[in-house]
């Protein structure tokens, strides 16, 4: 089973997920750390998860990135219409049941974010 870990201890994923929704788009950035020899298994299970999420209201886009070389890291970047849509999709029984399929020792570091404007560099 996968272990959810907080990349930012001051902003725990499950607390943010349950927080108030201002109706604005959000981005889930979820980085997976695979145990030795299990990266492809995580990729297969993530595919199942992604198909479940694609069937839920509010998913705008999803993209998976894989570290190059012998990396054991996968990162999912998913854009949602708002926090409520992500929360509802995450809490479905069907999605929750897939979490047990991940190999022991697998970890996920989910963070909910928004685009940040930086003058002369990028828009928010």
PDB file of N, CA and C in Angstrom:
ATOM      1  N   UNK A   1       0.848  -1.191   0.000  1.00  0.00           N
ATOM      2  CA  UNK A   1       0.000   0.000   0.000  1.00  0.00           C
ATOM      3  C   UNK A   1       0.883   1.239   0.000  1.00  0.00           C
ATOM      4  N   UNK A   2       0.441   2.254  -0.687  1.00  0.00           N
ATOM      5  CA  UNK A   2       1.207   3.488  -0.782  1.00  0.00           C
ATOM      6  C   UNK A   2       1.024   4.320   0.480  1.00  0.00           C
ATOM      7  N   UNK A   3       2.082   5.002   0.868  1.00  0.00           N
ATOM      8  CA  UNK A   3       2.037   5.888   2.026  1.00  0.00           C
ATOM      9  C   UNK A   3       2.009   7.324   1.521  1.00  0.00           C
ATOM     10  N   UNK A   4       0.993   8.096   1.952  1.00  0.00           N
ATOM     11  CA  UNK A   4       0.927   9.510   1.609  1.00  0.00           C
ATOM     12  C   UNK A   4       1.793  10.282   2.597  1.00  0.00           C
ATOM     13  N   UNK A   5       2.730  11.058   2.063  1.00  0.00           N
ATOM     14  CA  UNK A   5       3.626  11.854   2.900  1.00  0.00           C
ATOM     15  C   UNK A   5       3.458  13.318   2.533  1.00  0.00           C
ATOM     16  N   UNK A   6       3.751  14.184   3.501  1.00  0.00           N
ATOM     17  CA  UNK A   6       3.613  15.615   3.278  1.00  0.00           C
ATOM     18  C   UNK A   6       4.964  16.226   2.950  1.00  0.00           C
ATOM     19  N   UNK A   7       5.073  16.786   1.766  1.00  0.00           N
ATOM     20  CA  UNK A   7       6.284  17.478   1.363  1.00  0.00           C
ATOM     21  C   UNK A   7       6.443  18.759   2.176  1.00  0.00           C
ATOM     22  N   UNK A   8       5.321  19.405   2.461  1.00  0.00           N
ATOM     23  CA  UNK A   8       5.303  20.642   3.249  1.00  0.00           C
ATOM     24  C   UNK A   8       4.578  20.370   4.562  1.00  0.00           C
ATOM     25  N   UNK A   9       5.317  20.183   5.661  1.00  0.00           N
ATOM     26  CA  UNK A   9       4.670  19.840   6.932  1.00  0.00           C
ATOM     27  C   UNK A   9       3.694  20.898   7.428  1.00  0.00           C
ATOM     28  N   UNK A  10       3.831  22.138   6.979  1.00  0.00           N
ATOM     29  CA  UNK A  10       2.923  23.194   7.433  1.00  0.00           C
ATOM     30  C   UNK A  10       1.621  23.214   6.639  1.00  0.00           C
ATOM     31  N   UNK A  11       1.538  22.402   5.600  1.00  0.00           N
ATOM     32  CA  UNK A  11       0.371  22.417   4.726  1.00  0.00           C
ATOM     33  C   UNK A  11       0.038  20.993   4.299  1.00  0.00           C
ATOM     34  N   UNK A  12      -0.409  20.171   5.219  1.00  0.00           N
ATOM     35  CA  UNK A  12      -0.662  18.753   4.962  1.00  0.00           C
ATOM     36  C   UNK A  12      -1.713  18.565   3.870  1.00  0.00           C
ATOM     37  N   UNK A  13      -1.426  17.635   2.953  1.00  0.00           N
ATOM     38  CA  UNK A  13      -2.294  17.388   1.799  1.00  0.00           C
ATOM     39  C   UNK A  13      -3.739  17.140   2.201  1.00  0.00           C
ATOM     40  N   UNK A  14      -3.984  16.208   3.123  1.00  0.00           N
ATOM     41  CA  UNK A  14      -5.370  15.863   3.467  1.00  0.00           C
ATOM     42  C   UNK A  14      -6.095  17.033   4.119  1.00  0.00           C
ATOM     43  N   UNK A  15      -5.387  17.868   4.872  1.00  0.00           N
ATOM     44  CA  UNK A  15      -6.010  19.051   5.474  1.00  0.00           C
ATOM     45  C   UNK A  15      -6.391  20.060   4.393  1.00  0.00           C
ATOM     46  N   UNK A  16      -5.502  20.285   3.435  1.00  0.00           N
ATOM     47  CA  UNK A  16      -5.805  21.210   2.333  1.00  0.00           C
ATOM     48  C   UNK A  16      -6.960  20.662   1.501  1.00  0.00           C
ATOM     49  N   UNK A  17      -6.943  19.368   1.235  1.00  0.00           N
ATOM     50  CA  UNK A  17      -7.994  18.740   0.448  1.00  0.00           C
ATOM     51  C   UNK A  17      -9.364  18.945   1.094  1.00  0.00           C
ATOM     52  N   UNK A  18      -9.425  18.934   2.408  1.00  0.00           N
ATOM     53  CA  UNK A  18     -10.692  19.081   3.128  1.00  0.00           C
ATOM     54  C   UNK A  18     -11.040  20.538   3.404  1.00  0.00           C
ATOM     55  N   UNK A  19     -10.171  21.450   3.017  1.00  0.00           N
ATOM     56  CA  UNK A  19     -10.373  22.871   3.309  1.00  0.00           C
ATOM     57  C   UNK A  19     -11.417  23.519   2.433  1.00  0.00           C
ATOM     58  N   UNK A  20     -11.606  24.826   2.654  1.00  0.00           N
ATOM     59  CA  UNK A  20     -12.603  25.562   1.874  1.00  0.00           C
ATOM     60  C   UNK A  20     -12.188  25.698   0.412  1.00  0.00           C
ATOM     61  N   UNK A  21     -13.188  25.783  -0.449  1.00  0.00           N
ATOM     62  CA  UNK A  21     -12.968  25.890  -1.886  1.00  0.00           C
ATOM     63  C   UNK A  21     -13.413  27.264  -2.357  1.00  0.00           C
ATOM     64  N   UNK A  22     -12.519  27.998  -3.010  1.00  0.00           N
ATOM     65  CA  UNK A  22     -12.882  29.309  -3.536  1.00  0.00           C
ATOM     66  C   UNK A  22     -13.350  29.231  -4.991  1.00  0.00           C
ATOM     67  N   UNK A  23     -13.459  27.994  -5.523  1.00  0.00           N
ATOM     68  CA  UNK A  23     -13.973  27.803  -6.865  1.00  0.00           C
ATOM     69  C   UNK A  23     -12.965  28.012  -7.983  1.00  0.00           C
ATOM     70  N   UNK A  24     -11.732  28.336  -7.644  1.00  0.00           N
ATOM     71  CA  UNK A  24     -10.701  28.585  -8.643  1.00  0.00           C
ATOM     72  C   UNK A  24      -9.987  27.288  -9.011  1.00  0.00           C
ATOM     73  N   UNK A  25      -9.421  27.203 -10.221  1.00  0.00           N
ATOM     74  CA  UNK A  25      -8.675  26.001 -10.615  1.00  0.00           C
ATOM     75  C   UNK A  25      -7.483  25.747  -9.679  1.00  0.00           C
ATOM     76  N   UNK A  26      -7.180  24.476  -9.519  1.00  0.00           N
ATOM     77  CA  UNK A  26      -6.031  24.064  -8.703  1.00  0.00           C
ATOM     78  C   UNK A  26      -5.238  23.021  -9.489  1.00  0.00           C
ATOM     79  N   UNK A  27      -4.000  22.842  -9.085  1.00  0.00           N
ATOM     80  CA  UNK A  27      -3.141  21.833  -9.690  1.00  0.00           C
ATOM     81  C   UNK A  27      -2.650  20.898  -8.605  1.00  0.00           C
ATOM     82  N   UNK A  28      -2.833  19.613  -8.823  1.00  0.00           N
ATOM     83  CA  UNK A  28      -2.284  18.591  -7.934  1.00  0.00           C
ATOM     84  C   UNK A  28      -0.955  18.146  -8.535  1.00  0.00           C
ATOM     85  N   UNK A  29       0.109  18.293  -7.768  1.00  0.00           N
ATOM     86  CA  UNK A  29       1.416  17.788  -8.179  1.00  0.00           C
ATOM     87  C   UNK A  29       1.754  16.684  -7.188  1.00  0.00           C
ATOM     88  N   UNK A  30       1.800  15.463  -7.698  1.00  0.00           N
ATOM     89  CA  UNK A  30       1.981  14.294  -6.845  1.00  0.00           C
ATOM     90  C   UNK A  30       3.211  13.525  -7.317  1.00  0.00           C
ATOM     91  N   UNK A  31       4.231  13.505  -6.471  1.00  0.00           N
ATOM     92  CA  UNK A  31       5.465  12.804  -6.807  1.00  0.00           C
ATOM     93  C   UNK A  31       5.500  11.467  -6.075  1.00  0.00           C
ATOM     94  N   UNK A  32       5.759  10.412  -6.845  1.00  0.00           N
ATOM     95  CA  UNK A  32       5.817   9.051  -6.323  1.00  0.00           C
ATOM     96  C   UNK A  32       7.273   8.616  -6.222  1.00  0.00           C
ATOM     97  N   UNK A  33       7.616   7.987  -5.121  1.00  0.00           N
ATOM     98  CA  UNK A  33       8.923   7.353  -4.954  1.00  0.00           C
ATOM     99  C   UNK A  33       8.681   5.851  -4.926  1.00  0.00           C
ATOM    100  N   UNK A  34       9.261   5.162  -5.903  1.00  0.00           N
ATOM    101  CA  UNK A  34       9.038   3.720  -6.044  1.00  0.00           C
ATOM    102  C   UNK A  34      10.144   2.933  -5.355  1.00  0.00           C
ATOM    103  N   UNK A  35       9.794   1.829  -4.706  1.00  0.00           N
ATOM    104  CA  UNK A  35      10.828   0.932  -4.190  1.00  0.00           C
ATOM    105  C   UNK A  35      11.606   0.321  -5.358  1.00  0.00           C
ATOM    106  N   UNK A  36      12.789  -0.165  -5.090  1.00  0.00           N
ATOM    107  CA  UNK A  36      13.622  -0.800  -6.127  1.00  0.00           C
ATOM    108  C   UNK A  36      12.826  -1.800  -6.954  1.00  0.00           C
ATOM    109  N   UNK A  37      12.899  -1.664  -8.267  1.00  0.00           N
ATOM    110  CA  UNK A  37      12.270  -2.615  -9.168  1.00  0.00           C
ATOM    111  C   UNK A  37      10.764  -2.492  -9.292  1.00  0.00           C
ATOM    112  N   UNK A  38      10.160  -1.444  -8.704  1.00  0.00           N
ATOM    113  CA  UNK A  38       8.699  -1.335  -8.691  1.00  0.00           C
ATOM    114  C   UNK A  38       8.159  -0.136  -9.478  1.00  0.00           C
ATOM    115  N   UNK A  39       9.023   0.579 -10.181  1.00  0.00           N
ATOM    116  CA  UNK A  39       8.579   1.772 -10.904  1.00  0.00           C
ATOM    117  C   UNK A  39       7.526   1.430 -11.947  1.00  0.00           C
ATOM    118  N   UNK A  40       7.733   0.365 -12.702  1.00  0.00           N
ATOM    119  CA  UNK A  40       6.743  -0.011 -13.726  1.00  0.00           C
ATOM    120  C   UNK A  40       5.413  -0.427 -13.097  1.00  0.00           C
ATOM    121  N   UNK A  41       5.458  -1.069 -11.936  1.00  0.00           N
ATOM    122  CA  UNK A  41       4.212  -1.445 -11.245  1.00  0.00           C
ATOM    123  C   UNK A  41       3.451  -0.181 -10.828  1.00  0.00           C
ATOM    124  N   UNK A  42       4.162   0.803 -10.317  1.00  0.00           N
ATOM    125  CA  UNK A  42       3.505   2.057  -9.941  1.00  0.00           C
ATOM    126  C   UNK A  42       2.908   2.717 -11.178  1.00  0.00           C
ATOM    127  N   UNK A  43       3.620   2.686 -12.272  1.00  0.00           N
ATOM    128  CA  UNK A  43       3.109   3.240 -13.525  1.00  0.00           C
ATOM    129  C   UNK A  43       1.801   2.556 -13.925  1.00  0.00           C
ATOM    130  N   UNK A  44       1.738   1.244 -13.828  1.00  0.00           N
ATOM    131  CA  UNK A  44       0.523   0.501 -14.168  1.00  0.00           C
ATOM    132  C   UNK A  44      -0.648   0.868 -13.258  1.00  0.00           C
ATOM    133  N   UNK A  45      -0.382   0.987 -11.964  1.00  0.00           N
ATOM    134  CA  UNK A  45      -1.459   1.328 -11.025  1.00  0.00           C
ATOM    135  C   UNK A  45      -1.891   2.772 -11.218  1.00  0.00           C
ATOM    136  N   UNK A  46      -0.922   3.665 -11.474  1.00  0.00           N
ATOM    137  CA  UNK A  46      -1.271   5.059 -11.732  1.00  0.00           C
ATOM    138  C   UNK A  46      -2.204   5.144 -12.940  1.00  0.00           C
ATOM    139  N   UNK A  47      -1.973   4.328 -13.952  1.00  0.00           N
ATOM    140  CA  UNK A  47      -2.842   4.311 -15.121  1.00  0.00           C
ATOM    141  C   UNK A  47      -4.274   3.999 -14.701  1.00  0.00           C
ATOM    142  N   UNK A  48      -4.455   3.000 -13.834  1.00  0.00           N
ATOM    143  CA  UNK A  48      -5.794   2.678 -13.315  1.00  0.00           C
ATOM    144  C   UNK A  48      -6.393   3.893 -12.607  1.00  0.00           C
ATOM    145  N   UNK A  49      -5.589   4.512 -11.730  1.00  0.00           N
ATOM    146  CA  UNK A  49      -6.049   5.695 -10.998  1.00  0.00           C
ATOM    147  C   UNK A  49      -6.463   6.809 -11.951  1.00  0.00           C
ATOM    148  N   UNK A  50      -5.629   7.049 -12.964  1.00  0.00           N
ATOM    149  CA  UNK A  50      -5.891   8.133 -13.901  1.00  0.00           C
ATOM    150  C   UNK A  50      -7.187   7.899 -14.683  1.00  0.00           C
ATOM    151  N   UNK A  51      -7.447   6.663 -15.060  1.00  0.00           N
ATOM    152  CA  UNK A  51      -8.691   6.359 -15.773  1.00  0.00           C
ATOM    153  C   UNK A  51      -9.906   6.604 -14.885  1.00  0.00           C
ATOM    154  N   UNK A  52      -9.775   6.294 -13.601  1.00  0.00           N
ATOM    155  CA  UNK A  52     -10.865   6.586 -12.654  1.00  0.00           C
ATOM    156  C   UNK A  52     -11.069   8.089 -12.557  1.00  0.00           C
ATOM    157  N   UNK A  53      -9.975   8.829 -12.412  1.00  0.00           N
ATOM    158  CA  UNK A  53     -10.061  10.281 -12.272  1.00  0.00           C
ATOM    159  C   UNK A  53     -10.608  10.936 -13.544  1.00  0.00           C
ATOM    160  N   UNK A  54     -10.222  10.419 -14.710  1.00  0.00           N
ATOM    161  CA  UNK A  54     -10.719  10.985 -15.965  1.00  0.00           C
ATOM    162  C   UNK A  54     -12.234  10.887 -16.078  1.00  0.00           C
ATOM    163  N   UNK A  55     -12.830   9.929 -15.400  1.00  0.00           N
ATOM    164  CA  UNK A  55     -14.283   9.742 -15.438  1.00  0.00           C
ATOM    165  C   UNK A  55     -15.007  10.659 -14.453  1.00  0.00           C
ATOM    166  N   UNK A  56     -14.255  11.372 -13.611  1.00  0.00           N
ATOM    167  CA  UNK A  56     -14.855  12.235 -12.601  1.00  0.00           C
ATOM    168  C   UNK A  56     -15.042  13.649 -13.147  1.00  0.00           C
ATOM    169  N   UNK A  57     -16.071  14.348 -12.687  1.00  0.00           N
ATOM    170  CA  UNK A  57     -16.266  15.738 -13.120  1.00  0.00           C
ATOM    171  C   UNK A  57     -15.120  16.631 -12.632  1.00  0.00           C
ATOM    172  N   UNK A  58     -14.684  17.530 -13.498  1.00  0.00           N
ATOM    173  CA  UNK A  58     -13.753  18.571 -13.070  1.00  0.00           C
ATOM    174  C   UNK A  58     -12.296  18.379 -13.432  1.00  0.00           C
ATOM    175  N   UNK A  59     -11.903  17.200 -13.920  1.00  0.00           N
ATOM    176  CA  UNK A  59     -10.505  17.023 -14.314  1.00  0.00           C
ATOM    177  C   UNK A  59     -10.290  17.720 -15.655  1.00  0.00           C
ATOM    178  N   UNK A  60      -9.359  18.657 -15.682  1.00  0.00           N
ATOM    179  CA  UNK A  60      -9.052  19.393 -16.909  1.00  0.00           C
ATOM    180  C   UNK A  60      -7.957  18.680 -17.687  1.00  0.00           C
ATOM    181  N   UNK A  61      -6.893  18.301 -17.001  1.00  0.00           N
ATOM    182  CA  UNK A  61      -5.785  17.617 -17.682  1.00  0.00           C
ATOM    183  C   UNK A  61      -4.949  16.855 -16.668  1.00  0.00           C
ATOM    184  N   UNK A  62      -4.231  15.867 -17.182  1.00  0.00           N
ATOM    185  CA  UNK A  62      -3.289  15.102 -16.355  1.00  0.00           C
ATOM    186  C   UNK A  62      -2.102  14.723 -17.223  1.00  0.00           C
ATOM    187  N   UNK A  63      -0.925  14.783 -16.629  1.00  0.00           N
ATOM    188  CA  UNK A  63       0.302  14.397 -17.331  1.00  0.00           C
ATOM    189  C   UNK A  63       1.227  13.731 -16.329  1.00  0.00           C
ATOM    190  N   UNK A  64       1.790  12.596 -16.715  1.00  0.00           N
ATOM    191  CA  UNK A  64       2.741  11.896 -15.859  1.00  0.00           C
ATOM    192  C   UNK A  64       4.147  12.090 -16.413  1.00  0.00           C
ATOM    193  N   UNK A  65       5.079  12.359 -15.513  1.00  0.00           N
ATOM    194  CA  UNK A  65       6.488  12.517 -15.863  1.00  0.00           C
ATOM    195  C   UNK A  65       7.270  11.413 -15.167  1.00  0.00           C
ATOM    196  N   UNK A  66       8.301  10.920 -15.856  1.00  0.00           N
ATOM    197  CA  UNK A  66       9.146   9.869 -15.287  1.00  0.00           C
ATOM    198  C   UNK A  66      10.592  10.340 -15.318  1.00  0.00           C
ATOM    199  N   UNK A  67      11.284  10.164 -14.200  1.00  0.00           N
ATOM    200  CA  UNK A  67      12.689  10.531 -14.147  1.00  0.00           C
ATOM    201  C   UNK A  67      13.488   9.741 -15.176  1.00  0.00           C
ATOM    202  N   UNK A  68      14.532  10.342 -15.700  1.00  0.00           N
ATOM    203  CA  UNK A  68      15.343   9.669 -16.712  1.00  0.00           C
ATOM    204  C   UNK A  68      16.418   8.817 -16.044  1.00  0.00           C
ATOM    205  N   UNK A  69      17.056   7.991 -16.825  1.00  0.00           N
ATOM    206  CA  UNK A  69      18.077   7.098 -16.285  1.00  0.00           C
ATOM    207  C   UNK A  69      17.438   6.021 -15.429  1.00  0.00           C
ATOM    208  N   UNK A  70      18.039   5.746 -14.304  1.00  0.00           N
ATOM    209  CA  UNK A  70      17.543   4.719 -13.385  1.00  0.00           C
ATOM    210  C   UNK A  70      16.646   5.286 -12.293  1.00  0.00           C
ATOM    211  N   UNK A  71      16.024   6.418 -12.557  1.00  0.00           N
ATOM    212  CA  UNK A  71      15.198   7.088 -11.562  1.00  0.00           C
ATOM    213  C   UNK A  71      14.042   6.207 -11.098  1.00  0.00           C
ATOM    214  N   UNK A  72      13.696   6.360  -9.839  1.00  0.00           N
ATOM    215  CA  UNK A  72      12.553   5.672  -9.230  1.00  0.00           C
ATOM    216  C   UNK A  72      11.424   6.670  -8.969  1.00  0.00           C
ATOM    217  N   UNK A  73      11.451   7.800  -9.681  1.00  0.00           N
ATOM    218  CA  UNK A  73      10.517   8.886  -9.412  1.00  0.00           C
ATOM    219  C   UNK A  73       9.564   9.083 -10.589  1.00  0.00           C
ATOM    220  N   UNK A  74       8.277   9.205 -10.250  1.00  0.00           N
ATOM    221  CA  UNK A  74       7.228   9.569 -11.198  1.00  0.00           C
ATOM    222  C   UNK A  74       6.505  10.775 -10.616  1.00  0.00           C
ATOM    223  N   UNK A  75       6.137  11.733 -11.459  1.00  0.00           N
ATOM    224  CA  UNK A  75       5.397  12.900 -10.984  1.00  0.00           C
ATOM    225  C   UNK A  75       4.174  13.122 -11.860  1.00  0.00           C
ATOM    226  N   UNK A  76       3.030  13.192 -11.217  1.00  0.00           N
ATOM    227  CA  UNK A  76       1.763  13.456 -11.872  1.00  0.00           C
ATOM    228  C   UNK A  76       1.417  14.931 -11.682  1.00  0.00           C
ATOM    229  N   UNK A  77       1.051  15.601 -12.756  1.00  0.00           N
ATOM    230  CA  UNK A  77       0.575  16.979 -12.687  1.00  0.00           C
ATOM    231  C   UNK A  77      -0.843  16.979 -13.251  1.00  0.00           C
ATOM    232  N   UNK A  78      -1.814  17.239 -12.383  1.00  0.00           N
ATOM    233  CA  UNK A  78      -3.224  17.193 -12.783  1.00  0.00           C
ATOM    234  C   UNK A  78      -3.893  18.524 -12.446  1.00  0.00           C
ATOM    235  N   UNK A  79      -4.566  19.091 -13.417  1.00  0.00           N
ATOM    236  CA  UNK A  79      -5.275  20.357 -13.238  1.00  0.00           C
ATOM    237  C   UNK A  79      -6.760  20.063 -13.075  1.00  0.00           C
ATOM    238  N   UNK A  80      -7.349  20.651 -12.047  1.00  0.00           N
ATOM    239  CA  UNK A  80      -8.766  20.449 -11.728  1.00  0.00           C
ATOM    240  C   UNK A  80      -9.503  21.783 -11.760  1.00  0.00           C
ATOM    241  N   UNK A  81     -10.787  21.737 -12.068  1.00  0.00           N
ATOM    242  CA  UNK A  81     -11.602  22.958 -12.105  1.00  0.00           C
ATOM    243  C   UNK A  81     -11.610  23.665 -10.764  1.00  0.00           C
ATOM    244  N   UNK A  82     -11.616  22.889  -9.677  1.00  0.00           N
ATOM    245  CA  UNK A  82     -11.603  23.473  -8.340  1.00  0.00           C
ATOM    246  C   UNK A  82     -11.303  22.380  -7.313  1.00  0.00           C
ATOM    247  N   UNK A  83     -11.126  22.795  -6.084  1.00  0.00           N
ATOM    248  CA  UNK A  83     -10.768  21.869  -5.008  1.00  0.00           C
ATOM    249  C   UNK A  83     -11.874  20.852  -4.735  1.00  0.00           C
ATOM    250  N   UNK A  84     -13.119  21.272  -4.816  1.00  0.00           N
ATOM    251  CA  UNK A  84     -14.230  20.356  -4.558  1.00  0.00           C
ATOM    252  C   UNK A  84     -14.218  19.190  -5.541  1.00  0.00           C
ATOM    253  N   UNK A  85     -13.948  19.472  -6.804  1.00  0.00           N
ATOM    254  CA  UNK A  85     -13.901  18.390  -7.804  1.00  0.00           C
ATOM    255  C   UNK A  85     -12.802  17.388  -7.463  1.00  0.00           C
ATOM    256  N   UNK A  86     -11.621  17.876  -7.105  1.00  0.00           N
ATOM    257  CA  UNK A  86     -10.534  16.969  -6.717  1.00  0.00           C
ATOM    258  C   UNK A  86     -10.920  16.179  -5.478  1.00  0.00           C
ATOM    259  N   UNK A  87     -11.445  16.852  -4.470  1.00  0.00           N
ATOM    260  CA  UNK A  87     -11.830  16.186  -3.218  1.00  0.00           C
ATOM    261  C   UNK A  87     -12.846  15.073  -3.489  1.00  0.00           C
ATOM    262  N   UNK A  88     -13.882  15.372  -4.268  1.00  0.00           N
ATOM    263  CA  UNK A  88     -14.912  14.375  -4.559  1.00  0.00           C
ATOM    264  C   UNK A  88     -14.331  13.183  -5.306  1.00  0.00           C
ATOM    265  N   UNK A  89     -13.445  13.448  -6.266  1.00  0.00           N
ATOM    266  CA  UNK A  89     -12.828  12.358  -7.033  1.00  0.00           C
ATOM    267  C   UNK A  89     -11.919  11.516  -6.141  1.00  0.00           C
ATOM    268  N   UNK A  90     -11.121  12.163  -5.306  1.00  0.00           N
ATOM    269  CA  UNK A  90     -10.180  11.466  -4.423  1.00  0.00           C
ATOM    270  C   UNK A  90     -10.911  10.580  -3.422  1.00  0.00           C
ATOM    271  N   UNK A  91     -12.076  11.014  -2.976  1.00  0.00           N
ATOM    272  CA  UNK A  91     -12.798  10.292  -1.930  1.00  0.00           C
ATOM    273  C   UNK A  91     -13.685   9.166  -2.462  1.00  0.00           C
ATOM    274  N   UNK A  92     -13.785   9.002  -3.775  1.00  0.00           N
ATOM    275  CA  UNK A  92     -14.627   7.921  -4.281  1.00  0.00           C
ATOM    276  C   UNK A  92     -14.088   6.572  -3.816  1.00  0.00           C
ATOM    277  N   UNK A  93     -14.992   5.665  -3.563  1.00  0.00           N
ATOM    278  CA  UNK A  93     -14.598   4.323  -3.121  1.00  0.00           C
ATOM    279  C   UNK A  93     -13.717   3.638  -4.166  1.00  0.00           C
ATOM    280  N   UNK A  94     -14.061   3.835  -5.424  1.00  0.00           N
ATOM    281  CA  UNK A  94     -13.297   3.195  -6.498  1.00  0.00           C
ATOM    282  C   UNK A  94     -11.839   3.662  -6.491  1.00  0.00           C
ATOM    283  N   UNK A  95     -11.609   4.984  -6.359  1.00  0.00           N
ATOM    284  CA  UNK A  95     -10.236   5.484  -6.319  1.00  0.00           C
ATOM    285  C   UNK A  95      -9.530   5.022  -5.045  1.00  0.00           C
ATOM    286  N   UNK A  96     -10.177   5.139  -3.912  1.00  0.00           N
ATOM    287  CA  UNK A  96      -9.565   4.749  -2.639  1.00  0.00           C
ATOM    288  C   UNK A  96      -9.144   3.283  -2.641  1.00  0.00           C
ATOM    289  N   UNK A  97      -9.913   2.435  -3.299  1.00  0.00           N
ATOM    290  CA  UNK A  97      -9.580   1.005  -3.313  1.00  0.00           C
ATOM    291  C   UNK A  97      -8.292   0.723  -4.081  1.00  0.00           C
ATOM    292  N   UNK A  98      -7.927   1.576  -5.038  1.00  0.00           N
ATOM    293  CA  UNK A  98      -6.688   1.336  -5.805  1.00  0.00           C
ATOM    294  C   UNK A  98      -5.438   1.617  -4.980  1.00  0.00           C
ATOM    295  N   UNK A  99      -5.556   2.416  -3.928  1.00  0.00           N
ATOM    296  CA  UNK A  99      -4.377   2.760  -3.133  1.00  0.00           C
ATOM    297  C   UNK A  99      -3.727   1.526  -2.511  1.00  0.00           C
ATOM    298  N   UNK A 100      -4.517   0.518  -2.219  1.00  0.00           N
ATOM    299  CA  UNK A 100      -3.992  -0.721  -1.632  1.00  0.00           C
ATOM    300  C   UNK A 100      -3.202  -1.547  -2.641  1.00  0.00           C
ATOM    301  N   UNK A 101      -3.331  -1.246  -3.926  1.00  0.00           N
ATOM    302  CA  UNK A 101      -2.622  -2.019  -4.952  1.00  0.00           C
ATOM    303  C   UNK A 101      -1.169  -1.602  -5.125  1.00  0.00           C
ATOM    304  N   UNK A 102      -0.817  -0.437  -4.624  1.00  0.00           N
ATOM    305  CA  UNK A 102       0.565   0.017  -4.754  1.00  0.00           C
ATOM    306  C   UNK A 102       1.477  -0.872  -3.918  1.00  0.00           C
ATOM    307  N   UNK A 103       2.710  -1.094  -4.378  1.00  0.00           N
ATOM    308  CA  UNK A 103       3.614  -1.985  -3.637  1.00  0.00           C
ATOM    309  C   UNK A 103       4.026  -1.397  -2.293  1.00  0.00           C
ATOM    310  N   UNK A 104       4.278  -2.271  -1.330  1.00  0.00           N
ATOM    311  CA  UNK A 104       4.779  -1.827  -0.035  1.00  0.00           C
ATOM    312  C   UNK A 104       6.067  -1.045  -0.235  1.00  0.00           C
ATOM    313  N   UNK A 105       6.207   0.025   0.519  1.00  0.00           N
ATOM    314  CA  UNK A 105       7.393   0.861   0.408  1.00  0.00           C
ATOM    315  C   UNK A 105       7.231   2.016  -0.560  1.00  0.00           C
ATOM    316  N   UNK A 106       6.123   2.031  -1.319  1.00  0.00           N
ATOM    317  CA  UNK A 106       5.866   3.146  -2.229  1.00  0.00           C
ATOM    318  C   UNK A 106       5.392   4.350  -1.420  1.00  0.00           C
ATOM    319  N   UNK A 107       5.818   5.532  -1.838  1.00  0.00           N
ATOM    320  CA  UNK A 107       5.417   6.763  -1.162  1.00  0.00           C
ATOM    321  C   UNK A 107       4.942   7.774  -2.190  1.00  0.00           C
ATOM    322  N   UNK A 108       3.971   8.580  -1.783  1.00  0.00           N
ATOM    323  CA  UNK A 108       3.469   9.659  -2.624  1.00  0.00           C
ATOM    324  C   UNK A 108       3.546  10.957  -1.838  1.00  0.00           C
ATOM    325  N   UNK A 109       3.927  12.013  -2.523  1.00  0.00           N
ATOM    326  CA  UNK A 109       4.073  13.338  -1.925  1.00  0.00           C
ATOM    327  C   UNK A 109       3.157  14.314  -2.659  1.00  0.00           C
ATOM    328  N   UNK A 110       1.843  14.275  -2.381  1.00  0.00           N
ATOM    329  CA  UNK A 110       0.911  15.152  -3.092  1.00  0.00           C
ATOM    330  C   UNK A 110       0.897  16.568  -2.507  1.00  0.00           C
ATOM    331  N   UNK A 111       0.830  17.552  -3.410  1.00  0.00           N
ATOM    332  CA  UNK A 111       0.733  18.957  -3.019  1.00  0.00           C
ATOM    333  C   UNK A 111      -0.296  19.614  -3.930  1.00  0.00           C
ATOM    334  N   UNK A 112      -1.181  20.401  -3.335  1.00  0.00           N
ATOM    335  CA  UNK A 112      -2.173  21.147  -4.101  1.00  0.00           C
ATOM    336  C   UNK A 112      -1.657  22.576  -4.244  1.00  0.00           C
ATOM    337  N   UNK A 113      -1.595  23.033  -5.504  1.00  0.00           N
ATOM    338  CA  UNK A 113      -0.973  24.328  -5.777  1.00  0.00           C
ATOM    339  C   UNK A 113      -1.806  25.141  -6.762  1.00  0.00           C
ATOM    340  N   UNK A 114      -1.395  26.401  -6.924  1.00  0.00           N
ATOM    341  CA  UNK A 114      -1.938  27.290  -7.947  1.00  0.00           C
ATOM    342  C   UNK A 114      -0.775  27.949  -8.674  1.00  0.00           C
ATOM    343  N   UNK A 115      -1.026  28.329  -9.928  1.00  0.00           N
ATOM    344  CA  UNK A 115      -0.006  29.053 -10.672  1.00  0.00           C
ATOM    345  C   UNK A 115       0.318  30.353  -9.942  1.00  0.00           C
ATOM    346  N   UNK A 116       1.581  30.735 -10.002  1.00  0.00           N
ATOM    347  CA  UNK A 116       2.050  31.952  -9.352  1.00  0.00           C
ATOM    348  C   UNK A 116       2.617  32.891 -10.409  1.00  0.00           C
ATOM    349  N   UNK A 117       2.102  34.093 -10.464  1.00  0.00           N
ATOM    350  CA  UNK A 117       2.633  35.087 -11.388  1.00  0.00           C
ATOM    351  C   UNK A 117       3.969  35.610 -10.876  1.00  0.00           C
ATOM    352  N   UNK A 118       4.905  35.753 -11.797  1.00  0.00           N
ATOM    353  CA  UNK A 118       6.197  36.366 -11.512  1.00  0.00           C
ATOM    354  C   UNK A 118       6.437  37.379 -12.636  1.00  0.00           C
ATOM    355  N   UNK A 119       6.473  38.672 -12.307  1.00  0.00           N
ATOM    356  CA  UNK A 119       6.606  39.691 -13.337  1.00  0.00           C
ATOM    357  C   UNK A 119       7.768  39.413 -14.302  1.00  0.00           C
ATOM    358  N   UNK A 120       7.487  39.563 -15.569  1.00  0.00           N
ATOM    359  CA  UNK A 120       8.435  39.400 -16.671  1.00  0.00           C
ATOM    360  C   UNK A 120       8.894  37.952 -16.864  1.00  0.00           C
ATOM    361  N   UNK A 121       8.276  37.001 -16.138  1.00  0.00           N
ATOM    362  CA  UNK A 121       8.653  35.607 -16.272  1.00  0.00           C
ATOM    363  C   UNK A 121       7.454  34.732 -16.632  1.00  0.00           C
ATOM    364  N   UNK A 122       6.378  34.780 -15.820  1.00  0.00           N
ATOM    365  CA  UNK A 122       5.233  33.914 -16.073  1.00  0.00           C
ATOM    366  C   UNK A 122       3.954  34.527 -15.506  1.00  0.00           C
ATOM    367  N   UNK A 123       2.824  34.056 -16.012  1.00  0.00           N
ATOM    368  CA  UNK A 123       1.522  34.554 -15.555  1.00  0.00           C
ATOM    369  C   UNK A 123       0.960  33.642 -14.471  1.00  0.00           C
ATOM    370  N   UNK A 124       0.057  34.197 -13.684  1.00  0.00           N
ATOM    371  CA  UNK A 124      -0.585  33.435 -12.618  1.00  0.00           C
ATOM    372  C   UNK A 124      -1.871  32.825 -13.080  1.00  0.00           C
TER     373      UNK A 124
END
